[in-house]
Amino acid sequence: MNIQALKYEIIEWITRTNDNSLLKTLKSIKDSNAATTDWFDNLSQEEKESLNRGISEHDKGDVLTSKEFWTGYGDKV
């Protein structure tokens, strides 16, 4: 089934329902989807830079396993 046919099927189904609870749930889903923003956009510049440094370190393989971390730093945490 292509996406357009699926949309029409869902529209037809919604227009035939009298289930108020279902309609409220669908509205809630619609509203939350419309209001969703990327959490990264809400970070400060410093937080974004810190995350990007971490991603860069990970990409270069500069990472520790949990066991390595706790062995080396466990007494300092």
C-alpha atoms as a PDB file:
ATOM      1  CA  MET A   1       0.000   0.000   0.000  1.00  0.00           C
ATOM      2  CA  ASN A   2       1.440   3.354  -0.945  1.00  0.00           C
ATOM      3  CA  ILE A   3       1.516   6.255   1.492  1.00  0.00           C
ATOM      4  CA  GLN A   4      -1.227   8.226  -0.263  1.00  0.00           C
ATOM      5  CA  ALA A   5      -3.636   5.287  -0.155  1.00  0.00           C
ATOM      6  CA  LEU A   6      -2.836   4.768   3.516  1.00  0.00           C
ATOM      7  CA  LYS A   7      -3.572   8.427   4.274  1.00  0.00           C
ATOM      8  CA  TYR A   8      -6.942   8.202   2.521  1.00  0.00           C
ATOM      9  CA  GLU A   9      -7.791   5.003   4.375  1.00  0.00           C
ATOM     10  CA  ILE A  10      -6.982   6.626   7.724  1.00  0.00           C
ATOM     11  CA  ILE A  11      -8.949   9.779   6.845  1.00  0.00           C
ATOM     12  CA  GLU A  12     -11.960   7.675   5.881  1.00  0.00           C
ATOM     13  CA  TRP A  13     -11.710   5.676   9.112  1.00  0.00           C
ATOM     14  CA  ILE A  14     -11.442   8.832  11.240  1.00  0.00           C
ATOM     15  CA  THR A  15     -14.441  10.472   9.573  1.00  0.00           C
ATOM     16  CA  ARG A  16     -16.607   7.418  10.311  1.00  0.00           C
ATOM     17  CA  THR A  17     -15.682   7.024  13.979  1.00  0.00           C
ATOM     18  CA  ASN A  18     -17.758   8.372  16.838  1.00  0.00           C
ATOM     19  CA  ASP A  19     -15.242   7.290  19.471  1.00  0.00           C
ATOM     20  CA  ASN A  20     -14.495  10.504  21.336  1.00  0.00           C
ATOM     21  CA  SER A  21     -11.634   8.913  23.259  1.00  0.00           C
ATOM     22  CA  LEU A  22      -9.971   7.804  20.037  1.00  0.00           C
ATOM     23  CA  LEU A  23     -10.357  11.247  18.489  1.00  0.00           C
ATOM     24  CA  LYS A  24      -8.866  12.906  21.582  1.00  0.00           C
ATOM     25  CA  THR A  25      -5.944  10.486  21.471  1.00  0.00           C
ATOM     26  CA  LEU A  26      -5.339  11.205  17.792  1.00  0.00           C
ATOM     27  CA  LYS A  27      -5.499  14.955  18.485  1.00  0.00           C
ATOM     28  CA  SER A  28      -2.980  14.546  21.288  1.00  0.00           C
ATOM     29  CA  ILE A  29      -0.643  12.657  18.957  1.00  0.00           C
ATOM     30  CA  LYS A  30      -1.047  15.348  16.302  1.00  0.00           C
ATOM     31  CA  ASP A  31      -0.391  18.161  18.767  1.00  0.00           C
ATOM     32  CA  SER A  32       2.658  16.519  20.307  1.00  0.00           C
ATOM     33  CA  ASN A  33       4.077  15.772  16.872  1.00  0.00           C
ATOM     34  CA  ALA A  34       3.605  19.379  15.749  1.00  0.00           C
ATOM     35  CA  ALA A  35       5.188  20.739  18.921  1.00  0.00           C
ATOM     36  CA  THR A  36       8.172  18.426  18.828  1.00  0.00           C
ATOM     37  CA  THR A  37      11.470  20.178  18.399  1.00  0.00           C
ATOM     38  CA  ASP A  38      14.898  18.674  18.330  1.00  0.00           C
ATOM     39  CA  TRP A  39      16.211  18.689  21.909  1.00  0.00           C
ATOM     40  CA  PHE A  40      19.657  19.586  20.553  1.00  0.00           C
ATOM     41  CA  ASP A  41      18.294  22.961  19.427  1.00  0.00           C
ATOM     42  CA  ASN A  42      17.442  23.814  23.047  1.00  0.00           C
ATOM     43  CA  LEU A  43      20.994  23.287  24.329  1.00  0.00           C
ATOM     44  CA  SER A  44      23.443  26.065  25.063  1.00  0.00           C
ATOM     45  CA  GLN A  45      26.389  26.531  22.719  1.00  0.00           C
ATOM     46  CA  GLU A  46      28.693  25.099  25.399  1.00  0.00           C
ATOM     47  CA  GLU A  47      26.539  21.971  25.731  1.00  0.00           C
ATOM     48  CA  LYS A  48      26.451  21.517  21.953  1.00  0.00           C
ATOM     49  CA  GLU A  49      30.238  21.826  21.744  1.00  0.00           C
ATOM     50  CA  SER A  50      30.679  19.307  24.562  1.00  0.00           C
ATOM     51  CA  LEU A  51      28.429  16.786  22.842  1.00  0.00           C
ATOM     52  CA  ASN A  52      30.175  17.332  19.512  1.00  0.00           C
ATOM     53  CA  ARG A  53      33.568  16.754  21.194  1.00  0.00           C
ATOM     54  CA  GLY A  54      32.250  13.491  22.628  1.00  0.00           C
ATOM     55  CA  ILE A  55      30.956  12.390  19.235  1.00  0.00           C
ATOM     56  CA  SER A  56      34.294  13.260  17.644  1.00  0.00           C
ATOM     57  CA  GLU A  57      36.195  11.286  20.303  1.00  0.00           C
ATOM     58  CA  HIS A  58      33.888   8.316  19.779  1.00  0.00           C
ATOM     59  CA  ASP A  59      34.351   8.482  16.004  1.00  0.00           C
ATOM     60  CA  LYS A  60      38.140   8.392  16.516  1.00  0.00           C
ATOM     61  CA  GLY A  61      37.839   5.382  18.822  1.00  0.00           C
ATOM     62  CA  ASP A  62      38.951   7.370  21.859  1.00  0.00           C
ATOM     63  CA  VAL A  63      36.522   5.655  24.240  1.00  0.00           C
ATOM     64  CA  LEU A  64      36.545   3.538  27.390  1.00  0.00           C
ATOM     65  CA  THR A  65      34.355   0.621  28.294  1.00  0.00           C
ATOM     66  CA  SER A  66      32.395   0.909  31.522  1.00  0.00           C
ATOM     67  CA  LYS A  67      34.782  -1.580  33.152  1.00  0.00           C
ATOM     68  CA  GLU A  68      37.832   0.428  32.048  1.00  0.00           C
ATOM     69  CA  PHE A  69      36.296   3.627  33.391  1.00  0.00           C
ATOM     70  CA  TRP A  70      35.429   2.217  36.805  1.00  0.00           C
ATOM     71  CA  THR A  71      38.821   0.505  37.123  1.00  0.00           C
ATOM     72  CA  GLY A  72      40.678   3.731  36.390  1.00  0.00           C
ATOM     73  CA  TYR A  73      38.382   6.332  37.902  1.00  0.00           C
ATOM     74  CA  GLY A  74      36.040   4.530  40.302  1.00  0.00           C
ATOM     75  CA  ASP A  75      37.806   5.742  43.432  1.00  0.00           C
ATOM     76  CA  LYS A  76      37.658   9.367  42.221  1.00  0.00           C
ATOM     77  CA  VAL A  77      33.941   9.433  41.514  1.00  0.00           C
END
